[in-house]
């Protein structure tokens, strides 16, 4: 009996496809691992060097793929470049930390290209990769906290200092819920583990910012059926977070909520000294509010007394004040523009908006947390808008209702 040409070549074809998929998976995981360098590795020269070289190689490979496949440069990628240049030039002129600026710029551009390329090819594989890598990072970080309660070195845990856990926790939760929304009919076992791991981490280290962030995210999720999205709803939420910024940072309304801060969260109305830091930051920022001063070492520019009366420099502990210092008003506008451009890519498609609801809620919560913390020096926050920008590529395995229920 004759064997058709198609049947004879089918096993070889399947082998080629499997090999290609394996290579893609390896490249995806390496790209994400190098983008999410654990902060503790900075303390070890060889490990730090490996991650720097690794992300540069990934960046160059992504550039090569873009040109080879004639991939169109998106508005999001342009927005990222404008954002980085908005304070890169000032950093160079003022002789700031141009090396770290360049490194973070490469990380962000490489991360976006990886997400963009894989989202177009296989969004499910991309989400799985992101969730797996972040979950491993969270797990190793928790282990480091248990084994080294005061930090592995210089108060640094696997991810970094205690407050850095917040962004990894929230991003991982948002991504796993988004995955379940697209591909499962209910919350999966992996999501239950991630939520437990995240809550245990937050409570073990008692990270007040994370407690507030997760509480806000939970409240929004509980009432999300009543939130009807249109083309401008997301922008309205962003404006609302800016109003909160003004009320808390400038008007200081929290002075009237000492019962919540002191009795429940065990914080002071100064938010662990943040109001004093903000007061010290204002006159420095207003010296050049349009173009800023450029990025300095670890973003530390605010004089503040810490330790036993020792005067040192701190970050602004407020995202918008930090951006104003780094690149002025232009930097703030370009930072917000990234989110707006990402949302614009999906807001014409109601199905994509519904599928992106957890991502949208996560971004809103991040904007709330930005009042007391900064997230622009690490790549984790940017994962949410980058994934959101590619939700038009989602292939859903089951019907999702207009209200967003699974």
Protein backbone atom coordinates (compact mmCIF):
# COMPACT_ATOMS: atom_id res chain seq x y z
CA UNK A 1 0.00 0.00 0.00
CA UNK A 2 1.34 3.42 -0.95
CA UNK A 3 1.94 5.99 1.75
CA UNK A 4 1.00 9.52 0.75
CA UNK A 5 3.68 12.22 0.69
CA UNK A 6 1.78 14.10 3.40
CA UNK A 7 1.77 11.10 5.74
CA UNK A 8 5.46 10.35 5.13
CA UNK A 9 6.52 13.87 6.06
CA UNK A 10 4.03 14.41 8.91
CA UNK A 11 6.21 12.94 11.71
CA UNK A 12 9.18 15.05 10.59
CA UNK A 13 6.93 18.12 10.45
CA UNK A 14 5.60 17.47 13.98
CA UNK A 15 9.16 17.03 15.23
CA UNK A 16 10.14 20.35 13.68
CA UNK A 17 7.13 22.11 15.22
CA UNK A 18 7.90 20.66 18.67
CA UNK A 19 11.56 21.73 18.37
CA UNK A 20 10.50 25.21 17.31
CA UNK A 21 8.02 25.47 20.21
CA UNK A 22 10.72 24.32 22.65
CA UNK A 23 13.11 26.99 21.38
CA UNK A 24 10.41 29.63 21.70
CA UNK A 25 9.64 28.56 25.28
CA UNK A 26 13.32 28.66 26.23
CA UNK A 27 13.73 32.11 24.71
CA UNK A 28 10.55 33.36 26.42
CA UNK A 29 11.64 32.18 29.86
CA UNK A 30 15.19 33.49 29.46
CA UNK A 31 13.84 36.85 28.28
CA UNK A 32 11.61 37.16 31.35
CA UNK A 33 14.23 35.91 33.80
CA UNK A 34 16.79 38.44 32.56
CA UNK A 35 14.18 41.24 32.64
CA UNK A 36 13.21 40.46 36.25
CA UNK A 37 16.67 40.45 37.82
CA UNK A 38 16.39 39.83 41.58
CA UNK A 39 17.77 42.86 43.39
CA UNK A 40 19.99 40.72 45.62
CA UNK A 41 22.10 39.82 42.55
CA UNK A 42 23.28 43.44 42.38
CA UNK A 43 25.35 42.65 45.48
CA UNK A 44 27.24 39.89 43.63
CA UNK A 45 29.29 41.20 40.69
CA UNK A 46 29.34 38.00 38.61
CA UNK A 47 25.58 37.39 38.86
CA UNK A 48 24.86 41.05 38.13
CA UNK A 49 27.15 40.95 35.09
CA UNK A 50 25.43 37.79 33.76
CA UNK A 51 22.01 39.47 33.96
CA UNK A 52 23.26 42.66 32.30
CA UNK A 53 24.80 40.74 29.40
CA UNK A 54 21.73 38.51 29.22
CA UNK A 55 19.22 41.34 28.86
CA UNK A 56 21.40 43.08 26.25
CA UNK A 57 21.53 39.86 24.19
CA UNK A 58 17.74 39.41 24.52
CA UNK A 59 17.25 43.05 23.47
CA UNK A 60 19.40 42.59 20.35
CA UNK A 61 17.63 39.34 19.42
CA UNK A 62 14.24 41.05 19.76
CA UNK A 63 15.44 43.92 17.54
CA UNK A 64 16.63 41.36 14.97
CA UNK A 65 13.27 39.55 15.03
CA UNK A 66 11.42 42.84 14.64
CA UNK A 67 13.40 43.73 11.52
CA UNK A 68 13.44 40.22 10.07
CA UNK A 69 9.66 39.83 10.37
CA UNK A 70 8.94 43.43 9.34
CA UNK A 71 7.05 43.93 12.61
CA UNK A 72 5.48 47.35 12.74
CA UNK A 73 6.79 49.64 15.47
CA UNK A 74 3.75 50.31 17.64
CA UNK A 75 2.69 53.52 19.34
CA UNK A 76 3.42 51.87 22.70
CA UNK A 77 7.06 51.29 21.75
CA UNK A 78 7.37 54.91 20.61
CA UNK A 79 5.79 56.08 23.91
CA UNK A 80 8.35 54.03 25.87
CA UNK A 81 11.23 55.62 23.94
CA UNK A 82 9.84 59.13 24.49
CA UNK A 83 9.38 58.40 28.20
CA UNK A 84 12.96 57.20 28.62
CA UNK A 85 14.39 60.09 26.59
CA UNK A 86 12.30 62.59 28.59
CA UNK A 87 14.80 62.31 31.43
CA UNK A 88 17.68 60.50 29.71
CA UNK A 89 18.93 63.70 28.10
CA UNK A 90 18.72 65.58 31.41
CA UNK A 91 20.49 62.69 33.15
CA UNK A 92 23.33 62.87 30.61
CA UNK A 93 23.68 66.65 30.83
CA UNK A 94 23.62 66.67 34.64
CA UNK A 95 26.06 63.72 34.75
CA UNK A 96 23.54 61.60 36.61
CA UNK A 97 23.31 57.81 36.76
CA UNK A 98 23.33 57.32 32.99
CA UNK A 99 24.39 53.64 33.28
CA UNK A 100 21.38 52.63 35.37
CA UNK A 101 19.13 54.78 33.17
CA UNK A 102 20.41 52.93 30.10
CA UNK A 103 20.07 49.53 31.75
CA UNK A 104 16.45 50.13 32.82
CA UNK A 105 15.66 51.53 29.35
CA UNK A 106 16.94 48.34 27.70
CA UNK A 107 15.00 46.19 30.18
CA UNK A 108 11.72 48.01 29.47
CA UNK A 109 12.12 47.99 25.68
CA UNK A 110 13.18 44.35 25.68
CA UNK A 111 10.29 43.39 27.97
CA UNK A 112 7.77 45.14 25.73
CA UNK A 113 9.14 43.53 22.57
CA UNK A 114 9.05 40.08 24.19
CA UNK A 115 5.45 40.57 25.33
CA UNK A 116 4.42 42.05 21.97
CA UNK A 117 6.02 39.31 19.87
CA UNK A 118 4.77 36.38 21.96
CA UNK A 119 1.29 37.88 22.47
CA UNK A 120 0.80 37.94 18.71
CA UNK A 121 1.99 34.35 18.40
CA UNK A 122 0.56 32.70 21.53
CA UNK A 123 -0.87 34.85 24.32
CA UNK A 124 -1.66 31.80 26.44
CA UNK A 125 1.98 30.70 26.41
CA UNK A 126 3.09 34.27 27.24
CA UNK A 127 0.77 34.55 30.24
CA UNK A 128 1.85 31.13 31.47
CA UNK A 129 5.49 32.16 31.21
CA UNK A 130 4.97 35.43 33.05
CA UNK A 131 2.95 33.77 35.83
CA UNK A 132 5.43 30.92 36.28
CA UNK A 133 8.50 33.18 36.44
CA UNK A 134 6.87 35.64 38.86
CA UNK A 135 5.58 32.82 41.07
CA UNK A 136 9.04 31.27 41.29
CA UNK A 137 10.47 34.70 42.20
CA UNK A 138 7.83 35.13 44.93
CA UNK A 139 8.48 31.64 46.28
CA UNK A 140 12.26 32.11 46.40
CA UNK A 141 11.74 35.49 48.02
CA UNK A 142 9.54 34.00 50.74
CA UNK A 143 12.13 31.28 51.38
CA UNK A 144 14.84 33.94 51.65
CA UNK A 145 12.69 35.80 54.18
CA UNK A 146 12.17 32.69 56.28
CA UNK A 147 15.86 31.73 56.23
CA UNK A 148 17.18 35.28 56.58
CA UNK A 149 14.64 37.37 58.58
CA UNK A 150 16.86 40.47 58.38
CA UNK A 151 17.66 40.05 54.71
CA UNK A 152 20.28 38.06 52.81
CA UNK A 153 22.66 41.02 52.60
CA UNK A 154 22.31 44.71 53.58
CA UNK A 155 18.60 44.17 54.41
CA UNK A 156 17.96 42.90 50.89
CA UNK A 157 15.83 39.81 50.32
CA UNK A 158 15.67 37.95 46.99
CA UNK A 159 13.46 40.57 45.31
CA UNK A 160 14.92 43.52 47.20
CA UNK A 161 13.86 45.52 50.24
CA UNK A 162 10.54 44.73 51.89
CA UNK A 163 8.50 47.37 50.04
CA UNK A 164 9.54 45.93 46.67
CA UNK A 165 7.51 42.78 47.26
CA UNK A 166 4.28 44.70 46.61
CA UNK A 167 4.60 45.05 42.85
CA UNK A 168 5.51 41.39 42.24
CA UNK A 169 2.59 40.23 44.41
CA UNK A 170 -0.01 42.38 42.67
CA UNK A 171 1.22 41.73 39.12
CA UNK A 172 1.29 37.97 39.67
CA UNK A 173 -2.26 37.96 41.08
CA UNK A 174 -3.59 40.13 38.25
CA UNK A 175 -2.00 37.99 35.54
CA UNK A 176 -3.18 34.66 36.98
CA UNK A 177 -6.76 35.97 37.31
CA UNK A 178 -6.59 37.28 33.75
CA UNK A 179 -5.42 33.84 32.58
CA UNK A 180 -8.31 32.15 34.39
CA UNK A 181 -10.75 34.64 32.90
CA UNK A 182 -9.57 33.79 29.39
CA UNK A 183 -8.94 30.06 29.55
CA UNK A 184 -10.79 28.62 32.56
CA UNK A 185 -14.36 28.83 33.81
CA UNK A 186 -13.34 29.46 37.42
CA UNK A 187 -10.30 30.31 39.50
CA UNK A 188 -7.69 27.62 38.94
CA UNK A 189 -5.55 25.76 41.47
CA UNK A 190 -2.47 27.72 40.46
CA UNK A 191 -4.30 30.99 41.13
CA UNK A 192 -5.36 29.76 44.58
CA UNK A 193 -1.73 28.93 45.36
CA UNK A 194 -0.51 32.32 44.10
CA UNK A 195 -3.13 34.20 46.11
CA UNK A 196 -2.25 32.23 49.25
CA UNK A 197 1.48 32.75 48.66
CA UNK A 198 0.96 36.48 48.11
CA UNK A 199 -1.22 37.04 51.17
CA UNK A 200 1.13 34.99 53.34
CA UNK A 201 4.11 37.06 52.11
CA UNK A 202 2.35 40.38 52.72
CA UNK A 203 1.19 39.41 56.20
CA UNK A 204 4.51 37.83 57.18
CA UNK A 205 6.46 40.98 56.33
CA UNK A 206 3.49 43.28 57.06
CA UNK A 207 3.82 45.56 54.03
CA UNK A 208 1.26 48.32 54.58
CA UNK A 209 1.33 49.49 50.94
CA UNK A 210 0.58 45.95 49.76
CA UNK A 211 -2.22 45.57 52.33
CA UNK A 212 -3.87 48.74 51.03
CA UNK A 213 -3.25 47.79 47.40
CA UNK A 214 -4.67 44.28 47.71
CA UNK A 215 -7.64 45.61 49.70
CA UNK A 216 -8.42 48.15 46.96
CA UNK A 217 -8.05 45.45 44.30
CA UNK A 218 -10.41 43.14 46.23
CA UNK A 219 -13.02 45.88 46.62
CA UNK A 220 -12.89 46.74 42.93
CA UNK A 221 -13.20 43.05 41.97
CA UNK A 222 -16.18 42.60 44.29
CA UNK A 223 -18.06 45.47 42.66
CA UNK A 224 -16.71 45.17 39.12
CA UNK A 225 -20.07 43.98 37.72
CA UNK A 226 -21.44 47.44 38.52
CA UNK A 227 -18.58 49.17 36.70
CA UNK A 228 -19.65 49.73 33.11
CA UNK A 229 -16.72 50.56 30.86
CA UNK A 230 -16.82 52.92 27.93
CA UNK A 231 -14.05 54.68 26.04
CA UNK A 232 -13.37 57.18 28.82
CA UNK A 233 -14.08 55.21 32.03
CA UNK A 234 -10.45 54.16 32.50
CA UNK A 235 -9.29 57.77 32.08
CA UNK A 236 -11.85 58.86 34.69
CA UNK A 237 -10.35 56.36 37.16
CA UNK A 238 -6.86 57.69 36.47
CA UNK A 239 -8.09 61.24 37.10
CA UNK A 240 -9.62 60.01 40.36
CA UNK A 241 -6.21 58.68 41.50
CA UNK A 242 -4.68 62.09 40.72
CA UNK A 243 -7.34 63.73 42.91
CA UNK A 244 -6.34 61.32 45.69
CA UNK A 245 -2.73 62.34 45.10
CA UNK A 246 -3.57 66.01 45.62
CA UNK A 247 -5.69 65.34 48.71
CA UNK A 248 -3.10 63.14 50.42
CA UNK A 249 0.21 64.68 49.35
CA UNK A 250 -0.73 68.35 49.19
CA UNK A 251 -3.89 68.86 51.26
CA UNK A 252 -2.90 66.20 53.84
CA UNK A 253 -6.40 64.87 54.51
CA UNK A 254 -4.93 61.83 56.25
CA UNK A 255 -4.26 63.98 59.31
CA UNK A 256 -7.95 63.40 60.08
CA UNK A 257 -7.69 59.61 59.72
CA UNK A 258 -5.28 58.82 62.52
CA UNK A 259 -7.73 56.16 63.85
CA UNK A 260 -7.21 54.12 60.66
CA UNK A 261 -3.49 54.64 60.24
CA UNK A 262 -2.38 54.37 63.87
CA UNK A 263 -4.83 51.83 65.34
CA UNK A 264 -5.27 49.48 62.37
CA UNK A 265 -2.27 49.81 60.03
CA UNK A 266 0.13 50.76 62.84
CA UNK A 267 1.40 53.75 60.87
CA UNK A 268 1.58 57.42 61.74
CA UNK A 269 -0.27 60.22 59.97
CA UNK A 270 3.11 61.13 58.51
CA UNK A 271 2.99 57.76 56.70
CA UNK A 272 6.26 56.55 58.23
CA UNK A 273 7.95 59.88 57.56
CA UNK A 274 6.77 60.24 53.97
CA UNK A 275 5.11 63.62 54.52
CA UNK A 276 8.43 65.00 55.77
CA UNK A 277 10.20 63.55 52.73
CA UNK A 278 7.64 65.16 50.44
CA UNK A 279 8.07 68.52 52.15
CA UNK A 280 11.83 68.31 51.61
CA UNK A 281 11.37 67.23 47.99
CA UNK A 282 9.13 70.12 46.90
CA UNK A 283 11.74 72.94 46.86
CA UNK A 284 14.28 70.71 45.07
CA UNK A 285 11.76 69.71 42.39
CA UNK A 286 10.58 73.27 41.81
CA UNK A 287 14.11 74.35 40.92
CA UNK A 288 13.48 72.81 37.49
CA UNK A 289 9.86 71.59 37.25
CA UNK A 290 9.73 71.35 33.44
CA UNK A 291 12.83 69.29 32.54
CA UNK A 292 13.81 67.91 35.94
CA UNK A 293 17.28 67.15 37.26
CA UNK A 294 18.01 63.75 35.73
CA UNK A 295 18.19 60.32 37.31
CA UNK A 296 20.57 59.97 40.25
CA UNK A 297 21.88 56.92 42.12
CA UNK A 298 18.85 54.73 42.97
CA UNK A 299 16.68 57.85 42.64
CA UNK A 300 17.89 59.16 46.01
CA UNK A 301 17.71 62.95 46.10
CA UNK A 302 15.72 63.96 49.20
CA UNK A 303 17.75 64.85 52.34
CA UNK A 304 16.31 62.95 55.29
CA UNK A 305 17.40 61.86 58.72
CA UNK A 306 17.59 58.09 59.04
CA UNK A 307 19.26 55.59 61.31
CA UNK A 308 20.58 57.16 64.49
CA UNK A 309 20.47 60.80 63.45
CA UNK A 310 22.39 60.16 60.21
CA UNK A 311 21.46 62.45 57.32
CA UNK A 312 21.18 60.66 54.00
CA UNK A 313 19.33 60.83 50.68
CA UNK A 314 16.07 59.04 49.99
CA UNK A 315 13.74 58.53 47.05
CA UNK A 316 10.61 60.70 47.01
CA UNK A 317 8.37 57.79 48.11
CA UNK A 318 5.84 59.19 45.66
CA UNK A 319 5.85 58.24 41.99
CA UNK A 320 4.85 61.64 40.65
CA UNK A 321 7.36 63.60 42.72
CA UNK A 322 10.06 61.14 41.64
CA UNK A 323 9.14 61.60 37.97
CA UNK A 324 9.10 65.38 38.41
CA UNK A 325 12.62 65.25 39.83
CA UNK A 326 13.92 62.84 37.18
CA UNK A 327 12.48 64.52 34.09
CA UNK A 328 10.05 67.25 35.12
CA UNK A 329 6.55 67.72 33.78
CA UNK A 330 7.58 66.26 30.42
CA UNK A 331 8.51 62.99 32.14
CA UNK A 332 5.19 62.85 34.00
CA UNK A 333 3.21 63.38 30.79
CA UNK A 334 5.19 60.76 28.86
CA UNK A 335 4.80 58.23 31.72
CA UNK A 336 1.01 58.66 31.70
CA UNK A 337 1.05 58.55 27.89
CA UNK A 338 2.33 54.94 27.97
CA UNK A 339 -0.79 53.85 29.88
CA UNK A 340 -3.11 55.90 27.67
CA UNK A 341 -1.61 54.52 24.45
CA UNK A 342 -1.80 50.95 25.78
CA UNK A 343 -5.47 51.40 26.69
CA UNK A 344 -6.23 53.07 23.36
CA UNK A 345 -5.16 49.88 21.57
CA UNK A 346 -8.06 47.96 23.12
CA UNK A 347 -10.76 50.53 23.94
CA UNK A 348 -12.27 50.29 20.44
CA UNK A 349 -12.99 46.61 21.06
CA UNK A 350 -15.43 46.04 23.91
CA UNK A 351 -14.55 42.34 24.15
CA UNK A 352 -10.89 43.21 24.68
CA UNK A 353 -11.82 45.72 27.40
CA UNK A 354 -13.90 43.07 29.22
CA UNK A 355 -11.04 40.56 28.94
CA UNK A 356 -8.63 43.19 30.28
CA UNK A 357 -10.68 44.15 33.35
CA UNK A 358 -8.31 42.60 35.91
CA UNK A 359 -5.38 44.27 34.14
CA UNK A 360 -7.21 47.60 34.22
CA UNK A 361 -8.09 47.19 37.90
CA UNK A 362 -4.47 46.34 38.66
CA UNK A 363 -3.20 49.47 36.92
CA UNK A 364 -5.70 51.62 38.82
CA UNK A 365 -4.54 50.10 42.13
CA UNK A 366 -0.93 50.76 41.18
CA UNK A 367 -1.80 54.40 40.56
CA UNK A 368 -3.28 54.56 44.05
CA UNK A 369 -0.16 52.99 45.57
CA UNK A 370 2.02 55.43 43.63
CA UNK A 371 0.95 58.05 46.17
CA UNK A 372 3.30 56.47 48.72
CA UNK A 373 5.70 54.40 46.60
CA UNK A 374 7.57 54.44 43.29
CA UNK A 375 7.46 51.68 40.67
CA UNK A 376 9.27 53.21 37.68
CA UNK A 377 12.72 51.82 38.56
CA UNK A 378 11.64 48.19 38.23
CA UNK A 379 9.87 46.49 35.28
CA UNK A 380 7.04 44.71 37.11
CA UNK A 381 4.36 47.43 36.94
CA UNK A 382 4.91 47.89 33.20
CA UNK A 383 3.95 44.27 32.55
CA UNK A 384 0.26 45.09 33.09
CA UNK A 385 -0.11 47.86 30.46
CA UNK A 386 2.15 45.96 28.03
CA UNK A 387 -0.07 42.85 28.27
CA UNK A 388 -3.23 44.98 28.15
CA UNK A 389 -2.06 46.54 24.88
CA UNK A 390 -2.03 43.07 23.31
CA UNK A 391 -5.39 41.77 24.56
CA UNK A 392 -6.86 42.08 21.08
CA UNK A 393 -4.85 38.92 20.34
CA UNK A 394 -6.60 36.87 23.03
CA UNK A 395 -8.29 33.68 21.88
CA UNK A 396 -10.83 32.84 24.57
CA UNK A 397 -11.65 29.19 25.34
CA UNK A 398 -15.14 29.92 26.66
CA UNK A 399 -17.76 32.61 26.53
CA UNK A 400 -17.24 35.67 28.74
CA UNK A 401 -20.32 37.71 29.56
CA UNK A 402 -20.52 41.43 28.89
CA UNK A 403 -20.28 42.11 32.60
CA UNK A 404 -17.01 40.20 32.70
CA UNK A 405 -18.17 37.17 34.68
CA UNK A 406 -16.50 33.86 33.99
